[in-house]
Structures are given as C-alpha cells and as structure tokens.
Amino acid sequence: MTKLKLLVGTAVVFSMLAGPAMARRYTSSRPVQSVYCATREMGNPHSQYCDYQAWSQWRRFGSWDSRLDNACLANPAYIPGECGRDAQGNVLFPRNVY
C-alpha cells in the first residue's frame, strides 16, 4: 500500500511539473473575417462601406446577386474590388495577421 501511494504521488508530481512544458500559445484556425464580409447584405454585391450609392441603388431595385456572398464564403478575409484601394492603387485596409 505504501508503494502504491508513493507511485501515485510521484505520478501526480511529474504530471504537475510537465503541465507548463506542454502549454502552447493558442492560435485560431479560423480566418479573420473582413469588415465587408461581416457586414454584407445577403444578395447585394456592393458593400455599404465602399460604394454607398451603388449599395443603396441595389436595395432600391430589389435585385439579387450572390457574388459577394460566394466570395466571402470562399475567403472570409475578402475585400471587394470596388473598395480597399485608394486612387493610386494602394491598399487602404491591410489584412490583420495574428
């Protein structure tokens, strides 16, 4: 019985000492979602943050186009071509890499 207690005690001590050595930094396997994909309106290919007038016109006509929906489904960090770049072609909103 004494050997069993000693064996269990030793196992507990070693498991507590090995715990911090096995700890790893948490990294999410899910991609970060862009503001355009997070705030898109179903069936509207325009983003209200890029081209508000085209987005409003599309809503007024009541049309349906799933291009933005499909692009965000395939790549959650997607930035539509109509936004995300200034007049010189520079990226306005670089991707966040964590």
C-alpha atoms as a PDB file:
ATOM      1  CA  MET A   1       0.000   0.000   0.000  1.00  0.00           C
ATOM      2  CA  THR A   2       2.871   2.362   0.788  1.00  0.00           C
ATOM      3  CA  LYS A   3       4.445   1.677  -2.627  1.00  0.00           C
ATOM      4  CA  LEU A   4       1.126   2.441  -4.322  1.00  0.00           C
ATOM      5  CA  LYS A   5       0.824   5.785  -2.519  1.00  0.00           C
ATOM      6  CA  LEU A   6       4.403   6.626  -3.367  1.00  0.00           C
ATOM      7  CA  LEU A   7       3.845   5.695  -7.022  1.00  0.00           C
ATOM      8  CA  VAL A   8       0.635   7.755  -7.264  1.00  0.00           C
ATOM      9  CA  GLY A   9       2.296  10.710  -5.518  1.00  0.00           C
ATOM     10  CA  THR A  10       5.235  10.562  -7.898  1.00  0.00           C
ATOM     11  CA  ALA A  11       2.906  10.427 -10.905  1.00  0.00           C
ATOM     12  CA  VAL A  12       0.977  13.461  -9.652  1.00  0.00           C
ATOM     13  CA  VAL A  13       4.160  15.470  -9.067  1.00  0.00           C
ATOM     14  CA  PHE A  14       5.554  14.651 -12.510  1.00  0.00           C
ATOM     15  CA  SER A  15       2.270  15.458 -14.229  1.00  0.00           C
ATOM     16  CA  MET A  16       2.161  18.847 -12.489  1.00  0.00           C
ATOM     17  CA  LEU A  17       5.748  19.567 -13.494  1.00  0.00           C
ATOM     18  CA  ALA A  18       5.141  18.551 -17.118  1.00  0.00           C
ATOM     19  CA  GLY A  19       1.992  20.699 -17.499  1.00  0.00           C
ATOM     20  CA  PRO A  20       3.716  24.055 -18.158  1.00  0.00           C
ATOM     21  CA  ALA A  21       6.190  22.405 -20.527  1.00  0.00           C
ATOM     22  CA  MET A  22       3.323  21.151 -22.699  1.00  0.00           C
ATOM     23  CA  ALA A  23       1.491  24.508 -22.786  1.00  0.00           C
ATOM     24  CA  ARG A  24       1.383  26.208 -26.175  1.00  0.00           C
ATOM     25  CA  ARG A  25       0.221  29.565 -27.384  1.00  0.00           C
ATOM     26  CA  TYR A  26      -3.354  29.446 -28.639  1.00  0.00           C
ATOM     27  CA  THR A  27      -3.723  30.047 -32.352  1.00  0.00           C
ATOM     28  CA  SER A  28      -7.081  30.145 -34.004  1.00  0.00           C
ATOM     29  CA  SER A  29      -7.520  28.039 -37.117  1.00  0.00           C
ATOM     30  CA  ARG A  30     -10.445  30.191 -38.260  1.00  0.00           C
ATOM     31  CA  PRO A  31      -9.562  33.009 -40.669  1.00  0.00           C
ATOM     32  CA  VAL A  32     -10.268  36.602 -39.690  1.00  0.00           C
ATOM     33  CA  GLN A  33     -13.422  37.960 -41.310  1.00  0.00           C
ATOM     34  CA  SER A  34     -13.139  41.278 -43.143  1.00  0.00           C
ATOM     35  CA  VAL A  35     -15.489  44.140 -42.322  1.00  0.00           C
ATOM     36  CA  TYR A  36     -17.020  43.737 -45.786  1.00  0.00           C
ATOM     37  CA  CYS A  37     -17.915  40.095 -45.270  1.00  0.00           C
ATOM     38  CA  ALA A  38     -19.066  40.646 -41.695  1.00  0.00           C
ATOM     39  CA  THR A  39     -21.469  43.440 -42.651  1.00  0.00           C
ATOM     40  CA  ARG A  40     -22.615  42.323 -46.105  1.00  0.00           C
ATOM     41  CA  GLU A  41     -26.263  42.284 -47.027  1.00  0.00           C
ATOM     42  CA  MET A  42     -27.420  38.985 -48.493  1.00  0.00           C
ATOM     43  CA  GLY A  43     -27.839  39.180 -52.255  1.00  0.00           C
ATOM     44  CA  ASN A  44     -26.232  42.608 -52.616  1.00  0.00           C
ATOM     45  CA  PRO A  45     -22.873  42.541 -54.445  1.00  0.00           C
ATOM     46  CA  HIS A  46     -21.941  46.034 -53.198  1.00  0.00           C
ATOM     47  CA  SER A  47     -20.626  46.984 -49.771  1.00  0.00           C
ATOM     48  CA  GLN A  48     -22.183  49.917 -47.959  1.00  0.00           C
ATOM     49  CA  TYR A  49     -18.707  50.914 -46.770  1.00  0.00           C
ATOM     50  CA  CYS A  50     -17.184  51.120 -50.270  1.00  0.00           C
ATOM     51  CA  ASP A  51     -19.849  52.407 -52.618  1.00  0.00           C
ATOM     52  CA  TYR A  52     -22.839  53.537 -50.607  1.00  0.00           C
ATOM     53  CA  GLN A  53     -24.734  54.836 -53.641  1.00  0.00           C
ATOM     54  CA  ALA A  54     -24.434  51.563 -55.587  1.00  0.00           C
ATOM     55  CA  TRP A  55     -25.377  49.637 -52.445  1.00  0.00           C
ATOM     56  CA  SER A  56     -28.469  51.824 -51.941  1.00  0.00           C
ATOM     57  CA  GLN A  57     -29.479  51.578 -55.620  1.00  0.00           C
ATOM     58  CA  TRP A  58     -29.224  47.800 -55.492  1.00  0.00           C
ATOM     59  CA  ARG A  59     -31.506  47.737 -52.451  1.00  0.00           C
ATOM     60  CA  ARG A  60     -33.976  50.066 -54.147  1.00  0.00           C
ATOM     61  CA  PHE A  61     -34.244  47.853 -57.221  1.00  0.00           C
ATOM     62  CA  GLY A  62     -34.700  44.733 -55.120  1.00  0.00           C
ATOM     63  CA  SER A  63     -32.257  42.742 -57.244  1.00  0.00           C
ATOM     64  CA  TRP A  64     -30.388  39.608 -56.162  1.00  0.00           C
ATOM     65  CA  ASP A  65     -26.770  38.761 -56.899  1.00  0.00           C
ATOM     66  CA  SER A  66     -24.744  36.409 -54.733  1.00  0.00           C
ATOM     67  CA  ARG A  67     -21.235  37.299 -55.964  1.00  0.00           C
ATOM     68  CA  LEU A  68     -20.201  38.921 -52.669  1.00  0.00           C
ATOM     69  CA  ASP A  69     -21.837  36.105 -50.684  1.00  0.00           C
ATOM     70  CA  ASN A  70     -19.915  33.469 -52.624  1.00  0.00           C
ATOM     71  CA  ALA A  71     -16.622  35.388 -52.395  1.00  0.00           C
ATOM     72  CA  CYS A  72     -16.975  35.760 -48.616  1.00  0.00           C
ATOM     73  CA  LEU A  73     -17.871  32.102 -48.253  1.00  0.00           C
ATOM     74  CA  ALA A  74     -14.713  31.073 -50.116  1.00  0.00           C
ATOM     75  CA  ASN A  75     -12.446  33.666 -48.429  1.00  0.00           C
ATOM     76  CA  PRO A  76     -13.699  35.346 -45.216  1.00  0.00           C
ATOM     77  CA  ALA A  77     -10.922  37.968 -45.459  1.00  0.00           C
ATOM     78  CA  TYR A  78     -12.153  39.029 -48.937  1.00  0.00           C
ATOM     79  CA  ILE A  79     -12.026  42.728 -49.852  1.00  0.00           C
ATOM     80  CA  PRO A  80     -14.212  43.655 -52.851  1.00  0.00           C
ATOM     81  CA  GLY A  81     -12.525  45.235 -55.846  1.00  0.00           C
ATOM     82  CA  GLU A  82     -14.590  48.403 -55.571  1.00  0.00           C
ATOM     83  CA  CYS A  83     -13.040  49.195 -52.212  1.00  0.00           C
ATOM     84  CA  GLY A  84      -9.911  48.657 -50.256  1.00  0.00           C
ATOM     85  CA  ARG A  85      -7.691  50.680 -52.600  1.00  0.00           C
ATOM     86  CA  ASP A  86      -7.168  54.404 -52.992  1.00  0.00           C
ATOM     87  CA  ALA A  87      -6.805  56.327 -56.269  1.00  0.00           C
ATOM     88  CA  GLN A  88      -3.124  55.366 -56.522  1.00  0.00           C
ATOM     89  CA  GLY A  89      -3.888  51.656 -56.043  1.00  0.00           C
ATOM     90  CA  ASN A  90      -2.502  51.390 -52.510  1.00  0.00           C
ATOM     91  CA  VAL A  91      -4.239  49.061 -50.079  1.00  0.00           C
ATOM     92  CA  LEU A  92      -6.258  51.050 -47.544  1.00  0.00           C
ATOM     93  CA  PHE A  93      -7.034  48.233 -45.133  1.00  0.00           C
ATOM     94  CA  PRO A  94      -4.174  45.732 -44.832  1.00  0.00           C
ATOM     95  CA  ARG A  95      -5.080  42.283 -43.578  1.00  0.00           C
ATOM     96  CA  ASN A  96      -4.639  41.631 -39.884  1.00  0.00           C
ATOM     97  CA  VAL A  97      -2.366  38.666 -39.325  1.00  0.00           C
ATOM     98  CA  TYR A  98      -2.415  37.339 -35.792  1.00  0.00           C
END
